[in-house]
N, C-alpha and C. Protein backbone atom coordinates (compact mmCIF):
# COMPACT_ATOMS: atom_id res chain seq x y z
N UNK A 1 108.09 103.28 99.53
CA UNK A 1 108.03 102.13 98.65
C UNK A 1 107.34 101.01 99.40
N UNK A 2 106.38 100.39 98.74
CA UNK A 2 105.62 99.30 99.34
C UNK A 2 105.82 98.04 98.51
N UNK A 3 106.36 97.01 99.13
CA UNK A 3 106.54 95.73 98.45
C UNK A 3 105.45 94.80 98.92
N UNK A 4 104.73 94.23 97.96
CA UNK A 4 103.72 93.24 98.33
C UNK A 4 104.41 91.90 98.57
N UNK A 5 103.94 91.15 99.56
CA UNK A 5 104.60 89.90 99.90
C UNK A 5 104.45 88.83 98.83
N UNK A 6 105.26 87.80 98.96
CA UNK A 6 105.26 86.69 98.01
C UNK A 6 103.96 85.88 98.12
N UNK A 7 103.75 85.04 97.15
CA UNK A 7 102.56 84.21 97.03
C UNK A 7 102.46 83.19 98.16
N UNK A 8 101.22 82.84 98.48
CA UNK A 8 100.96 81.73 99.39
C UNK A 8 99.64 81.08 98.99
N UNK A 9 99.30 79.98 99.64
CA UNK A 9 98.09 79.23 99.29
C UNK A 9 96.83 80.07 99.47
N UNK A 10 96.76 80.87 100.52
CA UNK A 10 95.56 81.67 100.77
C UNK A 10 95.29 82.64 99.62
N UNK A 11 96.34 83.22 99.06
CA UNK A 11 96.18 84.14 97.94
C UNK A 11 95.68 83.38 96.71
N UNK A 12 96.25 82.22 96.46
CA UNK A 12 95.83 81.41 95.31
C UNK A 12 94.36 81.00 95.42
N UNK A 13 93.89 80.81 96.62
CA UNK A 13 92.52 80.32 96.86
C UNK A 13 91.53 81.45 97.09
N UNK A 14 91.96 82.70 96.97
CA UNK A 14 91.10 83.87 97.24
C UNK A 14 90.43 83.72 98.61
N UNK A 15 91.28 83.47 99.61
CA UNK A 15 90.81 83.26 100.98
C UNK A 15 91.18 84.47 101.82
N UNK A 16 90.29 84.87 102.72
CA UNK A 16 90.56 85.95 103.66
C UNK A 16 91.49 85.41 104.73
N UNK A 17 92.76 85.62 104.56
CA UNK A 17 93.73 85.04 105.49
C UNK A 17 94.85 86.03 105.72
N UNK A 18 94.88 86.64 106.88
CA UNK A 18 95.89 87.64 107.15
C UNK A 18 97.20 87.11 107.67
N UNK A 19 97.24 85.85 108.07
CA UNK A 19 98.47 85.40 108.70
C UNK A 19 98.94 84.04 108.19
N UNK A 20 98.65 83.74 106.95
CA UNK A 20 99.11 82.47 106.37
C UNK A 20 100.57 82.60 105.96
N UNK A 21 101.35 81.55 106.19
CA UNK A 21 102.78 81.62 105.83
C UNK A 21 102.99 81.55 104.32
N UNK A 22 104.19 81.86 103.91
CA UNK A 22 104.56 81.69 102.51
C UNK A 22 104.59 80.21 102.19
N UNK A 23 104.37 79.89 100.93
CA UNK A 23 104.60 78.51 100.51
C UNK A 23 106.02 78.43 99.95
N UNK A 24 106.47 77.25 99.60
CA UNK A 24 107.85 77.05 99.14
C UNK A 24 108.15 77.88 97.89
N UNK A 25 107.20 77.93 96.97
CA UNK A 25 107.43 78.70 95.73
C UNK A 25 107.55 80.19 96.04
N UNK A 26 106.72 80.69 96.94
CA UNK A 26 106.80 82.10 97.32
C UNK A 26 108.13 82.44 97.97
N UNK A 27 108.60 81.55 98.83
CA UNK A 27 109.89 81.76 99.49
C UNK A 27 111.02 81.78 98.47
N UNK A 28 111.00 80.84 97.53
CA UNK A 28 112.03 80.79 96.48
C UNK A 28 112.04 82.07 95.65
N UNK A 29 110.86 82.53 95.25
CA UNK A 29 110.78 83.75 94.43
C UNK A 29 111.29 84.96 95.20
N UNK A 30 110.95 85.05 96.49
CA UNK A 30 111.41 86.19 97.29
C UNK A 30 112.93 86.14 97.44
N UNK A 31 113.48 84.99 97.69
CA UNK A 31 114.94 84.87 97.81
C UNK A 31 115.62 85.26 96.51
N UNK A 32 115.04 84.85 95.39
CA UNK A 32 115.62 85.17 94.08
C UNK A 32 115.57 86.68 93.81
N UNK A 33 114.60 87.37 94.39
CA UNK A 33 114.45 88.81 94.16
C UNK A 33 115.25 89.66 95.14
N UNK A 34 115.88 89.04 96.11
CA UNK A 34 116.55 89.78 97.19
C UNK A 34 117.53 90.83 96.68
N UNK A 35 118.26 90.54 95.66
CA UNK A 35 119.25 91.49 95.15
C UNK A 35 118.66 92.68 94.42
N UNK A 36 117.37 92.68 94.17
CA UNK A 36 116.72 93.75 93.41
C UNK A 36 115.97 94.74 94.30
N UNK A 37 116.01 94.53 95.60
CA UNK A 37 115.30 95.42 96.52
C UNK A 37 116.07 96.73 96.64
N UNK A 38 115.41 97.85 96.41
CA UNK A 38 116.10 99.13 96.52
C UNK A 38 116.45 99.45 97.97
N UNK A 39 117.46 100.27 98.14
CA UNK A 39 117.86 100.69 99.47
C UNK A 39 116.88 101.69 100.05
N UNK A 40 116.88 101.78 101.37
CA UNK A 40 116.00 102.72 102.07
C UNK A 40 116.67 103.16 103.36
N UNK A 41 116.12 104.20 103.95
CA UNK A 41 116.60 104.68 105.24
C UNK A 41 115.86 104.03 106.40
N UNK A 42 114.63 103.60 106.14
CA UNK A 42 113.79 102.99 107.16
C UNK A 42 113.08 101.80 106.55
N UNK A 43 113.15 100.65 107.22
CA UNK A 43 112.50 99.42 106.77
C UNK A 43 111.44 99.03 107.79
N UNK A 44 110.20 98.90 107.31
CA UNK A 44 109.10 98.47 108.16
C UNK A 44 108.33 97.38 107.44
N UNK A 45 107.45 96.73 108.18
CA UNK A 45 106.69 95.63 107.60
C UNK A 45 105.33 95.55 108.25
N UNK A 46 104.37 95.01 107.50
CA UNK A 46 103.11 94.62 108.10
C UNK A 46 103.40 93.54 109.13
N UNK A 47 102.44 93.23 109.94
CA UNK A 47 102.65 92.30 111.04
C UNK A 47 102.33 90.85 110.71
N UNK A 48 101.82 90.58 109.52
CA UNK A 48 101.46 89.21 109.16
C UNK A 48 102.71 88.35 108.97
N UNK A 49 102.54 87.07 109.18
CA UNK A 49 103.64 86.14 108.96
C UNK A 49 104.12 86.20 107.52
N UNK A 50 103.19 86.37 106.59
CA UNK A 50 103.55 86.44 105.17
C UNK A 50 104.44 87.64 104.89
N UNK A 51 104.14 88.79 105.47
CA UNK A 51 104.99 89.98 105.28
C UNK A 51 106.35 89.78 105.94
N UNK A 52 106.35 89.29 107.16
CA UNK A 52 107.61 89.12 107.88
C UNK A 52 108.52 88.09 107.21
N UNK A 53 107.93 86.99 106.74
CA UNK A 53 108.75 85.97 106.06
C UNK A 53 109.22 86.43 104.69
N UNK A 54 108.40 87.22 104.00
CA UNK A 54 108.84 87.79 102.73
C UNK A 54 110.02 88.72 102.96
N UNK A 55 109.90 89.58 103.96
CA UNK A 55 111.00 90.50 104.28
C UNK A 55 112.28 89.72 104.58
N UNK A 56 112.16 88.67 105.38
CA UNK A 56 113.34 87.86 105.71
C UNK A 56 113.94 87.22 104.46
N UNK A 57 113.09 86.69 103.60
CA UNK A 57 113.58 86.06 102.36
C UNK A 57 114.24 87.08 101.44
N UNK A 58 113.80 88.33 101.53
CA UNK A 58 114.41 89.40 100.73
C UNK A 58 115.69 89.93 101.37
N UNK A 59 116.02 89.41 102.55
CA UNK A 59 117.24 89.85 103.24
C UNK A 59 117.05 91.11 104.06
N UNK A 60 115.80 91.46 104.37
CA UNK A 60 115.51 92.67 105.12
C UNK A 60 115.26 92.34 106.59
N UNK A 61 115.47 93.32 107.43
CA UNK A 61 115.21 93.20 108.87
C UNK A 61 114.35 94.38 109.30
N UNK A 62 113.07 94.37 108.88
CA UNK A 62 112.21 95.52 109.15
C UNK A 62 111.66 95.52 110.57
N UNK A 63 111.18 96.66 110.97
CA UNK A 63 110.45 96.80 112.22
C UNK A 63 108.97 96.56 111.91
N UNK A 64 108.32 95.62 112.60
CA UNK A 64 106.88 95.43 112.36
C UNK A 64 106.12 96.71 112.73
N UNK A 65 105.22 97.12 111.86
CA UNK A 65 104.46 98.36 112.05
C UNK A 65 102.97 98.00 112.13
N UNK A 66 102.36 98.13 113.32
CA UNK A 66 100.95 97.79 113.48
C UNK A 66 100.01 98.54 112.53
N UNK A 67 100.35 99.74 112.13
CA UNK A 67 99.50 100.49 111.20
C UNK A 67 99.45 99.85 109.82
N UNK A 68 100.40 98.96 109.54
CA UNK A 68 100.45 98.27 108.25
C UNK A 68 99.94 96.84 108.34
N UNK A 69 99.27 96.51 109.44
CA UNK A 69 98.68 95.17 109.58
C UNK A 69 97.65 94.95 108.48
N UNK A 70 97.44 93.69 108.13
CA UNK A 70 96.48 93.37 107.09
C UNK A 70 95.07 93.77 107.54
N UNK A 71 94.18 93.86 106.59
CA UNK A 71 92.79 94.21 106.80
C UNK A 71 92.15 93.17 107.72
N UNK A 72 91.57 93.61 108.82
CA UNK A 72 90.91 92.72 109.77
C UNK A 72 89.55 92.31 109.20
N UNK A 73 89.45 91.05 108.81
CA UNK A 73 88.23 90.55 108.17
C UNK A 73 87.30 89.84 109.15
N UNK A 74 87.54 89.99 110.44
CA UNK A 74 86.62 89.47 111.45
C UNK A 74 86.29 88.00 111.26
N UNK A 75 85.02 87.67 111.30
CA UNK A 75 84.59 86.27 111.23
C UNK A 75 84.75 85.65 109.84
N UNK A 76 85.09 86.45 108.83
CA UNK A 76 85.35 85.90 107.51
C UNK A 76 86.77 85.37 107.39
N UNK A 77 87.60 85.66 108.37
CA UNK A 77 89.01 85.23 108.32
C UNK A 77 89.09 83.72 108.12
N UNK A 78 89.92 83.32 107.16
CA UNK A 78 90.12 81.91 106.86
C UNK A 78 89.16 81.34 105.85
N UNK A 79 88.11 82.07 105.50
CA UNK A 79 87.11 81.58 104.54
C UNK A 79 87.46 82.05 103.13
N UNK A 80 87.02 81.28 102.16
CA UNK A 80 87.18 81.68 100.76
C UNK A 80 86.11 82.71 100.41
N UNK A 81 86.46 83.62 99.52
CA UNK A 81 85.50 84.63 99.07
C UNK A 81 84.25 83.96 98.50
N UNK A 82 84.43 82.90 97.72
CA UNK A 82 83.28 82.21 97.13
C UNK A 82 82.36 81.64 98.21
N UNK A 83 82.94 81.12 99.27
CA UNK A 83 82.16 80.56 100.38
C UNK A 83 81.34 81.65 101.07
N UNK A 84 81.96 82.79 101.32
CA UNK A 84 81.25 83.89 101.97
C UNK A 84 80.18 84.45 101.03
N UNK A 85 80.49 84.57 99.75
CA UNK A 85 79.52 85.08 98.77
C UNK A 85 78.31 84.17 98.67
N UNK A 86 78.53 82.86 98.70
CA UNK A 86 77.42 81.91 98.64
C UNK A 86 76.56 81.95 99.90
N UNK A 87 77.20 82.09 101.06
CA UNK A 87 76.48 82.04 102.32
C UNK A 87 75.90 83.37 102.78
N UNK A 88 76.52 84.47 102.36
CA UNK A 88 76.10 85.80 102.81
C UNK A 88 76.12 86.80 101.66
N UNK A 89 75.35 86.55 100.61
CA UNK A 89 75.45 87.44 99.44
C UNK A 89 75.11 88.89 99.75
N UNK A 90 74.13 89.14 100.61
CA UNK A 90 73.77 90.53 100.94
C UNK A 90 74.89 91.21 101.71
N UNK A 91 75.54 90.47 102.61
CA UNK A 91 76.64 91.04 103.39
C UNK A 91 77.81 91.39 102.47
N UNK A 92 78.13 90.52 101.54
CA UNK A 92 79.23 90.78 100.60
C UNK A 92 78.89 91.99 99.73
N UNK A 93 77.65 92.06 99.25
CA UNK A 93 77.24 93.19 98.42
C UNK A 93 77.37 94.51 99.21
N UNK A 94 76.96 94.49 100.46
CA UNK A 94 77.08 95.68 101.30
C UNK A 94 78.54 96.06 101.50
N UNK A 95 79.38 95.08 101.78
CA UNK A 95 80.81 95.29 102.00
C UNK A 95 81.47 95.91 100.77
N UNK A 96 81.09 95.44 99.59
CA UNK A 96 81.67 95.95 98.35
C UNK A 96 81.15 97.34 97.97
N UNK A 97 79.94 97.67 98.39
CA UNK A 97 79.32 98.93 97.97
C UNK A 97 79.50 100.07 98.96
N UNK A 98 79.63 99.75 100.23
CA UNK A 98 79.65 100.79 101.26
C UNK A 98 80.98 100.75 102.02
N UNK A 99 81.83 101.78 101.85
CA UNK A 99 83.14 101.77 102.52
C UNK A 99 83.06 101.71 104.04
N UNK A 100 81.92 102.07 104.61
CA UNK A 100 81.81 102.03 106.07
C UNK A 100 81.23 100.70 106.58
N UNK A 101 80.87 99.80 105.69
CA UNK A 101 80.28 98.51 106.08
C UNK A 101 81.34 97.54 106.55
N UNK A 102 81.01 96.82 107.61
CA UNK A 102 81.88 95.76 108.12
C UNK A 102 81.01 94.60 108.59
N UNK A 103 80.29 93.97 107.65
CA UNK A 103 79.38 92.89 108.05
C UNK A 103 80.09 91.68 108.65
N UNK A 104 81.38 91.60 108.48
CA UNK A 104 82.18 90.50 109.00
C UNK A 104 82.58 90.74 110.46
N UNK A 105 82.29 91.92 110.97
CA UNK A 105 82.63 92.24 112.36
C UNK A 105 84.06 92.71 112.55
N UNK A 106 84.79 92.88 111.47
CA UNK A 106 86.16 93.36 111.54
C UNK A 106 86.22 94.84 111.18
N UNK A 107 87.17 95.16 110.35
CA UNK A 107 87.45 96.54 109.98
C UNK A 107 86.76 96.89 108.65
N UNK A 108 86.15 98.04 108.57
CA UNK A 108 85.57 98.50 107.31
C UNK A 108 86.68 99.00 106.39
N UNK A 109 86.36 99.17 105.12
CA UNK A 109 87.31 99.74 104.18
C UNK A 109 87.69 101.15 104.61
N UNK A 110 86.72 101.91 105.09
CA UNK A 110 87.00 103.26 105.56
C UNK A 110 87.99 103.25 106.72
N UNK A 111 87.83 102.30 107.64
CA UNK A 111 88.74 102.20 108.79
C UNK A 111 90.14 101.79 108.35
N UNK A 112 90.22 100.82 107.41
CA UNK A 112 91.52 100.41 106.87
C UNK A 112 92.20 101.60 106.21
N UNK A 113 91.47 102.31 105.36
CA UNK A 113 92.04 103.45 104.64
C UNK A 113 92.50 104.55 105.60
N UNK A 114 91.73 104.77 106.64
CA UNK A 114 92.10 105.78 107.63
C UNK A 114 93.37 105.39 108.37
N UNK A 115 93.46 104.13 108.77
CA UNK A 115 94.65 103.64 109.48
C UNK A 115 95.90 103.78 108.63
N UNK A 116 95.81 103.33 107.39
CA UNK A 116 96.96 103.39 106.48
C UNK A 116 97.26 104.85 106.12
N UNK A 117 96.21 105.65 105.91
CA UNK A 117 96.39 107.06 105.60
C UNK A 117 97.05 107.82 106.74
N UNK A 118 96.70 107.49 107.97
CA UNK A 118 97.35 108.13 109.12
C UNK A 118 98.83 107.79 109.16
N UNK A 119 99.17 106.55 108.83
CA UNK A 119 100.58 106.15 108.79
C UNK A 119 101.32 106.98 107.72
N UNK A 120 100.72 107.08 106.54
CA UNK A 120 101.34 107.88 105.48
C UNK A 120 101.50 109.33 105.93
N UNK A 121 100.47 109.86 106.55
CA UNK A 121 100.50 111.24 107.00
C UNK A 121 101.53 111.52 108.07
N UNK A 122 101.86 110.49 108.85
CA UNK A 122 102.86 110.66 109.91
C UNK A 122 104.30 110.62 109.40
N UNK A 123 104.48 110.15 108.15
CA UNK A 123 105.82 110.15 107.58
C UNK A 123 106.23 111.58 107.29
N UNK A 124 107.45 111.91 107.59
CA UNK A 124 107.93 113.25 107.26
C UNK A 124 109.29 113.13 106.57
N UNK A 125 109.83 114.26 106.20
CA UNK A 125 111.09 114.25 105.46
C UNK A 125 112.22 113.61 106.24
N UNK A 126 112.15 113.67 107.56
CA UNK A 126 113.22 113.05 108.35
C UNK A 126 113.19 111.52 108.27
N UNK A 127 112.08 110.96 107.80
CA UNK A 127 112.00 109.50 107.63
C UNK A 127 112.89 109.03 106.49
N UNK A 128 113.18 109.90 105.56
CA UNK A 128 113.97 109.51 104.39
C UNK A 128 113.17 108.56 103.51
N UNK A 129 113.90 107.72 102.79
CA UNK A 129 113.24 106.71 101.94
C UNK A 129 112.76 105.58 102.83
N UNK A 130 111.48 105.29 102.74
CA UNK A 130 110.86 104.24 103.56
C UNK A 130 110.49 103.07 102.65
N UNK A 131 110.84 101.87 103.08
CA UNK A 131 110.45 100.67 102.36
C UNK A 131 109.65 99.81 103.32
N UNK A 132 108.44 99.44 102.90
CA UNK A 132 107.56 98.61 103.73
C UNK A 132 107.13 97.38 102.95
N UNK A 133 107.16 96.24 103.60
CA UNK A 133 106.55 95.03 103.05
C UNK A 133 105.14 95.00 103.62
N UNK A 134 104.14 95.09 102.74
CA UNK A 134 102.76 95.23 103.20
C UNK A 134 101.80 94.42 102.34
N UNK A 135 100.77 93.91 102.97
CA UNK A 135 99.74 93.12 102.28
C UNK A 135 99.09 93.94 101.17
N UNK A 136 98.60 93.28 100.13
CA UNK A 136 97.99 93.99 99.00
C UNK A 136 96.88 94.97 99.40
N UNK A 137 96.04 94.61 100.36
CA UNK A 137 94.97 95.52 100.78
C UNK A 137 95.54 96.80 101.36
N UNK A 138 96.65 96.69 102.07
CA UNK A 138 97.30 97.87 102.65
C UNK A 138 97.90 98.73 101.54
N UNK A 139 98.50 98.10 100.55
CA UNK A 139 99.07 98.84 99.42
C UNK A 139 97.95 99.58 98.67
N UNK A 140 96.85 98.89 98.43
CA UNK A 140 95.72 99.51 97.73
C UNK A 140 95.17 100.68 98.53
N UNK A 141 95.04 100.51 99.84
CA UNK A 141 94.54 101.61 100.69
C UNK A 141 95.50 102.80 100.65
N UNK A 142 96.80 102.53 100.63
CA UNK A 142 97.79 103.61 100.57
C UNK A 142 97.66 104.38 99.26
N UNK A 143 97.46 103.68 98.17
CA UNK A 143 97.30 104.34 96.86
C UNK A 143 96.05 105.22 96.87
N UNK A 144 94.93 104.65 97.28
CA UNK A 144 93.67 105.39 97.29
C UNK A 144 93.78 106.63 98.18
N UNK A 145 94.31 106.44 99.37
CA UNK A 145 94.45 107.57 100.28
C UNK A 145 95.46 108.60 99.76
N UNK A 146 96.63 108.11 99.36
CA UNK A 146 97.69 109.01 98.93
C UNK A 146 97.32 109.88 97.75
N UNK A 147 96.55 109.33 96.83
CA UNK A 147 96.17 110.08 95.64
C UNK A 147 94.80 110.75 95.78
N UNK A 148 94.15 110.56 96.92
CA UNK A 148 92.84 111.17 97.14
C UNK A 148 91.78 110.63 96.20
N UNK A 149 91.85 109.34 95.89
CA UNK A 149 90.91 108.72 94.97
C UNK A 149 89.62 108.33 95.68
N UNK A 150 88.54 108.17 94.95
CA UNK A 150 87.30 107.70 95.57
C UNK A 150 87.50 106.29 96.14
N UNK A 151 86.82 106.00 97.24
CA UNK A 151 86.96 104.70 97.90
C UNK A 151 86.71 103.53 96.96
N UNK A 152 85.77 103.68 96.03
CA UNK A 152 85.44 102.59 95.10
C UNK A 152 86.63 102.18 94.25
N UNK A 153 87.60 103.06 94.08
CA UNK A 153 88.80 102.74 93.30
C UNK A 153 89.57 101.58 93.92
N UNK A 154 89.50 101.45 95.23
CA UNK A 154 90.19 100.36 95.95
C UNK A 154 89.92 99.01 95.28
N UNK A 155 88.67 98.77 94.90
CA UNK A 155 88.26 97.47 94.33
C UNK A 155 88.76 97.28 92.91
N UNK A 156 89.25 98.34 92.29
CA UNK A 156 89.70 98.26 90.90
C UNK A 156 91.22 98.13 90.78
N UNK A 157 91.91 98.07 91.90
CA UNK A 157 93.36 97.97 91.90
C UNK A 157 93.80 96.54 92.17
N UNK A 158 94.73 96.05 91.39
CA UNK A 158 95.34 94.74 91.62
C UNK A 158 96.79 94.97 92.00
N UNK A 159 97.24 94.28 93.03
CA UNK A 159 98.62 94.37 93.48
C UNK A 159 99.20 92.96 93.42
N UNK A 160 100.10 92.73 92.49
CA UNK A 160 100.69 91.42 92.30
C UNK A 160 101.75 91.14 93.37
N UNK A 161 101.97 89.86 93.67
CA UNK A 161 103.02 89.52 94.65
C UNK A 161 104.39 89.99 94.18
N UNK A 162 105.19 90.38 95.14
CA UNK A 162 106.58 90.80 94.92
C UNK A 162 106.71 91.91 93.88
N UNK A 163 105.84 92.90 94.01
CA UNK A 163 105.97 94.10 93.19
C UNK A 163 106.15 95.30 94.12
N UNK A 164 106.75 96.34 93.59
CA UNK A 164 106.97 97.57 94.35
C UNK A 164 106.00 98.63 93.85
N UNK A 165 105.30 99.24 94.77
CA UNK A 165 104.47 100.40 94.49
C UNK A 165 105.14 101.56 95.21
N UNK A 166 105.39 102.63 94.48
CA UNK A 166 106.11 103.74 95.09
C UNK A 166 105.26 104.99 95.12
N UNK A 167 105.09 105.52 96.30
CA UNK A 167 104.47 106.82 96.49
C UNK A 167 105.60 107.79 96.82
N UNK A 168 105.79 108.78 95.98
CA UNK A 168 106.84 109.75 96.23
C UNK A 168 106.20 111.12 96.41
N UNK A 169 106.91 111.98 97.07
CA UNK A 169 106.40 113.31 97.32
C UNK A 169 106.23 113.52 98.81
N UNK A 170 105.10 114.05 99.18
CA UNK A 170 104.84 114.33 100.59
C UNK A 170 103.33 114.38 100.83
N UNK A 171 102.99 114.49 102.09
CA UNK A 171 101.60 114.53 102.53
C UNK A 171 100.76 115.44 101.63
N UNK A 172 99.72 114.87 101.07
CA UNK A 172 98.81 115.65 100.23
C UNK A 172 99.25 115.83 98.80
N UNK A 173 100.50 115.51 98.49
CA UNK A 173 101.03 115.69 97.13
C UNK A 173 101.80 114.45 96.68
N UNK A 174 101.18 113.28 96.82
CA UNK A 174 101.86 112.04 96.47
C UNK A 174 101.77 111.79 94.97
N UNK A 175 102.82 111.19 94.44
CA UNK A 175 102.86 110.69 93.06
C UNK A 175 102.98 109.18 93.13
N UNK A 176 102.53 108.50 92.11
CA UNK A 176 102.48 107.04 92.12
C UNK A 176 103.30 106.43 90.99
N UNK A 177 104.11 105.45 91.36
CA UNK A 177 104.75 104.55 90.38
C UNK A 177 104.38 103.15 90.85
N UNK A 178 103.69 102.40 90.02
CA UNK A 178 103.18 101.11 90.50
C UNK A 178 103.62 99.94 89.65
N UNK A 179 103.61 98.78 90.30
CA UNK A 179 103.78 97.52 89.62
C UNK A 179 105.18 97.14 89.17
N UNK A 180 106.22 97.72 89.74
CA UNK A 180 107.56 97.30 89.37
C UNK A 180 107.80 95.90 89.92
N UNK A 181 108.11 94.96 89.05
CA UNK A 181 108.35 93.59 89.49
C UNK A 181 109.76 93.46 90.03
N UNK A 182 109.90 92.80 91.17
CA UNK A 182 111.23 92.54 91.74
C UNK A 182 111.89 91.44 90.95
């Protein structure tokens, strides 16, 4: 089960920001949803402040998992998508069209998907039910990898704040339940 973190200013502004804190409204919503979080055998979290603070507001004490870190956007970090699109339209077009492109100097979509896919692949039945608080890009990568979808599908998925996406099954045979609101 993957819970997307609560809202923050960076998300509202469509800014590449992997470590922005929650805002007051996001914290309130996460606290209000705390009683609706399903139980699990293992609790993990992405390493961003937003994931860790969402987990805390939900009453969880997860282990930070580096494989679930947000997408490394390199020199675009902190910039708005509109700003990058205006200043580097060819780079943005390449990034959107080619999963191996990383014009920002960070991680390509292919690298993100591989990292998240390796984490999924390392889960086994002894892990039991796993609940992770993870950034939307990580959730999208998990869906694409888990279901064996084409890379371009990543751009067509929206992951709303404080929703649960559930991949059930096992390596190579995942099923998807998406968008359950907490």
